[in-house]
Amino acid sequence: MHFAPDSTATLEFIRDLANTVAGATKTGLDELSSQPELIALLDRHRYSGRFDRDDTELAEVRQTREHLRTIWMLDRDSAAGEVNLLLSEAGALPYLVRHDEFDWHLHAVGQDEPLAVRIRVESGLALMDVVRNNEMARLRHCAAPDCDGLLLDLSRNGSKRFCSVRCGNRMNMVAFRERAAADEPNGYAPSDYDL
């Protein structure tokens, strides 16, 4: 699936932001519990504009993370309503802008707005593309039963199942062990040492 480049970048940001929750991280811990973690995430995604770098900003971004995780899993009609709410609450007025190394793309609030407001508005614009293209099925929960990760499926055929290679490999190993145990009459299943 091809979305506009700025929409794809924002959807990837939403996914990465959403997957900082404890049940979706490699460490098993919340990876958005401090300013350095927030700064690292923003730097990875080359966020620009106003940064207050205080506890209020961190709390607002964490609250936005939870709201975006909820929207990610909604059906198309419900998501449309939430997207409209995100944009209207911020008084969003879309306009084209070119800055830094980025070519023309949409913004809908000024760069001097608080970070959480800019995240919600940019997310709303990207999610608007998903809703308009009837592609909410591209936004899913990881198929690993013990993972709270969200996935963005940009594959051509929409067949991605896991939020990360780590989850995919882990679930492939579980399936392998289940098949091996089913094939053995005495119930033997290979251990990690057998591999």
Protein backbone atom coordinates (compact mmCIF):
# COMPACT_ATOMS: atom_id res chain seq x y z
CA MET A 1 0.00 0.00 0.00
CA HIS A 2 1.29 3.43 -0.88
CA PHE A 3 0.31 6.48 1.14
CA ALA A 4 1.78 9.94 0.68
CA PRO A 5 5.36 10.01 2.01
CA ASP A 6 4.51 12.29 4.94
CA SER A 7 1.54 10.07 5.86
CA THR A 8 3.73 6.97 5.78
CA ALA A 9 6.36 8.66 7.95
CA THR A 10 3.71 9.72 10.45
CA LEU A 11 2.10 6.26 10.52
CA GLU A 12 5.54 4.78 11.24
CA PHE A 13 5.97 7.32 14.04
CA ILE A 14 2.55 6.46 15.52
CA ARG A 15 3.45 2.75 15.41
CA ASP A 16 6.80 3.37 17.10
CA LEU A 17 5.24 5.68 19.70
CA ALA A 18 2.46 3.16 20.39
CA ASN A 19 4.97 0.34 20.73
CA THR A 20 6.78 2.01 23.62
CA VAL A 21 4.23 0.49 26.04
CA ALA A 22 5.47 -2.20 28.39
CA GLY A 23 3.82 -5.15 26.62
CA ALA A 24 5.29 -4.25 23.22
CA THR A 25 8.94 -3.52 23.98
CA LYS A 26 11.99 -5.80 23.91
CA THR A 27 12.72 -4.93 27.52
CA GLY A 28 9.16 -5.50 28.69
CA LEU A 29 9.27 -2.03 30.25
CA ASP A 30 7.58 1.21 29.27
CA GLU A 31 10.10 2.89 26.99
CA LEU A 32 8.51 6.32 27.18
CA SER A 33 8.94 7.00 30.87
CA SER A 34 11.64 9.68 30.69
CA GLN A 35 12.62 12.73 28.69
CA PRO A 36 15.71 11.00 27.20
CA GLU A 37 13.49 8.22 25.84
CA LEU A 38 11.10 10.76 24.33
CA ILE A 39 13.97 12.74 22.82
CA ALA A 40 15.48 9.58 21.31
CA LEU A 41 12.14 8.70 19.69
CA LEU A 42 11.69 12.21 18.32
CA ASP A 43 15.26 12.29 17.01
CA ARG A 44 14.79 8.94 15.22
CA HIS A 45 11.76 10.37 13.44
CA ARG A 46 13.35 13.80 12.89
CA TYR A 47 10.61 15.72 14.67
CA SER A 48 11.05 19.49 14.55
CA GLY A 49 9.34 22.45 16.16
CA ARG A 50 8.78 23.38 19.77
CA PHE A 51 10.09 21.08 22.51
CA ASP A 52 9.52 22.01 26.16
CA ARG A 53 11.42 18.98 27.48
CA ASP A 54 9.52 18.95 30.75
CA ASP A 55 7.34 16.54 32.70
CA THR A 56 4.11 18.11 31.41
CA GLU A 57 5.15 17.53 27.80
CA LEU A 58 6.11 13.92 28.55
CA ALA A 59 2.77 13.28 30.30
CA GLU A 60 0.83 14.80 27.38
CA VAL A 61 2.71 12.67 24.84
CA ARG A 62 2.09 9.55 26.94
CA GLN A 63 -1.64 10.40 27.03
CA THR A 64 -1.58 10.97 23.26
CA ARG A 65 0.12 7.58 22.85
CA GLU A 66 -2.81 5.85 24.56
CA HIS A 67 -5.37 7.73 22.48
CA LEU A 68 -3.56 6.83 19.23
CA ARG A 69 -3.30 3.17 20.29
CA THR A 70 -7.08 3.18 20.69
CA ILE A 71 -7.72 4.84 17.32
CA TRP A 72 -5.35 2.37 15.60
CA MET A 73 -7.66 -0.52 16.44
CA LEU A 74 -10.99 1.12 15.56
CA ASP A 75 -13.17 0.31 12.59
CA ARG A 76 -13.19 2.80 9.73
CA ASP A 77 -16.31 4.75 10.75
CA SER A 78 -15.24 5.08 14.39
CA ALA A 79 -11.71 6.06 13.34
CA ALA A 80 -13.12 8.79 11.07
CA GLY A 81 -14.95 10.32 14.02
CA GLU A 82 -11.83 10.23 16.20
CA VAL A 83 -9.68 11.74 13.43
CA ASN A 84 -12.16 14.58 13.02
CA LEU A 85 -12.06 15.13 16.78
CA LEU A 86 -8.23 15.21 16.84
CA LEU A 87 -8.18 17.84 14.12
CA SER A 88 -11.08 19.98 15.38
CA GLU A 89 -9.82 20.10 18.98
CA ALA A 90 -6.56 21.59 17.75
CA GLY A 91 -8.24 24.03 15.37
CA ALA A 92 -6.29 22.38 12.56
CA LEU A 93 -6.09 24.19 9.24
CA PRO A 94 -4.04 22.19 6.73
CA TYR A 95 -1.34 23.98 4.75
CA LEU A 96 1.68 22.98 2.69
CA VAL A 97 5.14 23.53 4.11
CA ARG A 98 8.71 22.68 3.18
CA HIS A 99 11.41 22.74 5.85
CA ASP A 100 14.72 21.16 6.75
CA GLU A 101 15.36 18.29 4.31
CA PHE A 102 11.62 17.60 3.82
CA ASP A 103 9.89 18.46 0.55
CA TRP A 104 6.32 19.84 0.44
CA HIS A 105 4.08 18.16 2.98
CA LEU A 106 1.08 18.98 5.16
CA HIS A 107 1.04 20.67 8.52
CA ALA A 108 -2.14 21.86 10.16
CA VAL A 109 -0.91 23.72 13.25
CA GLY A 110 2.12 25.90 13.81
CA GLN A 111 5.51 24.55 14.82
CA ASP A 112 5.22 26.57 18.04
CA GLU A 113 2.27 24.48 19.28
CA PRO A 114 2.96 22.01 22.11
CA LEU A 115 4.48 18.71 21.01
CA ALA A 116 1.46 16.57 21.94
CA VAL A 117 -0.83 18.83 19.92
CA ARG A 118 1.45 18.57 16.87
CA ILE A 119 1.63 14.78 17.26
CA ARG A 120 -2.16 14.49 17.46
CA VAL A 121 -2.71 16.73 14.43
CA GLU A 122 -0.03 15.09 12.27
CA SER A 123 -1.43 11.71 13.29
CA GLY A 124 -4.92 12.89 12.39
CA LEU A 125 -3.75 13.93 8.92
CA ALA A 126 -2.05 10.59 8.32
CA LEU A 127 -4.97 8.59 9.67
CA MET A 128 -7.25 10.62 7.43
CA ASP A 129 -5.43 9.10 4.45
CA VAL A 130 -5.90 5.61 5.88
CA VAL A 131 -9.63 6.16 6.38
CA ARG A 132 -10.13 7.79 2.96
CA ASN A 133 -8.33 4.93 1.23
CA ASN A 134 -10.36 2.35 3.19
CA GLU A 135 -7.15 0.80 4.54
CA MET A 136 -7.84 0.50 8.28
CA ALA A 137 -7.02 -3.20 7.91
CA ARG A 138 -3.38 -2.10 7.45
CA LEU A 139 -3.37 -1.01 11.10
CA ARG A 140 -3.48 -4.08 13.31
CA HIS A 141 -2.51 -5.66 16.58
CA CYS A 142 0.46 -8.03 16.55
CA ALA A 143 -0.64 -11.66 16.02
CA ALA A 144 1.63 -12.88 18.84
CA PRO A 145 -0.79 -13.59 21.71
CA ASP A 146 1.63 -12.32 24.35
CA CYS A 147 2.47 -9.03 22.61
CA ASP A 148 0.70 -5.68 22.91
CA GLY A 149 2.50 -4.29 19.85
CA LEU A 150 0.74 -2.60 16.97
CA LEU A 151 1.79 -3.14 13.38
CA LEU A 152 1.62 -1.05 10.25
CA ASP A 153 1.29 -3.29 7.21
CA LEU A 154 2.69 -1.52 4.15
CA SER A 155 3.28 -4.78 2.29
CA ARG A 156 1.82 -5.16 -1.17
CA ASN A 157 -0.52 -8.00 -0.24
CA GLY A 158 -1.35 -6.92 3.32
CA SER A 159 -0.11 -10.16 4.87
CA LYS A 160 2.12 -8.88 7.67
CA ARG A 161 1.21 -10.53 10.98
CA PHE A 162 3.78 -9.48 13.57
CA CYS A 163 4.93 -6.13 14.90
CA SER A 164 8.61 -7.07 14.70
CA VAL A 165 11.02 -9.69 13.46
CA ARG A 166 11.48 -10.67 17.11
CA CYS A 167 7.79 -11.59 17.48
CA GLY A 168 7.73 -13.34 14.10
CA ASN A 169 10.77 -15.45 14.95
CA ARG A 170 9.43 -16.26 18.40
CA MET A 171 6.05 -17.38 17.04
CA ASN A 172 7.71 -19.42 14.28
CA MET A 173 9.71 -21.24 16.97
CA VAL A 174 6.55 -21.90 18.98
CA ALA A 175 4.85 -23.33 15.87
CA PHE A 176 7.92 -25.46 15.08
CA ARG A 177 7.94 -26.91 18.58
CA GLU A 178 4.21 -27.63 18.43
CA ARG A 179 4.60 -29.44 15.10
CA ALA A 180 7.59 -31.41 16.41
CA ALA A 181 5.69 -32.44 19.53
CA ALA A 182 2.69 -33.52 17.46
CA ASP A 183 4.93 -35.64 15.21
CA GLU A 184 6.51 -37.50 18.12
CA PRO A 185 4.42 -40.34 19.60
CA ASN A 186 6.00 -39.95 23.06
CA GLY A 187 5.40 -36.21 23.14
CA TYR A 188 9.06 -35.26 22.79
CA ALA A 189 9.55 -31.64 21.78
CA PRO A 190 12.96 -30.21 20.89
CA SER A 191 14.43 -27.77 23.37
CA ASP A 192 16.54 -24.72 22.71
CA TYR A 193 19.58 -26.95 23.11
CA ASP A 194 18.49 -29.17 20.22
CA LEU A 195 18.67 -26.31 17.75
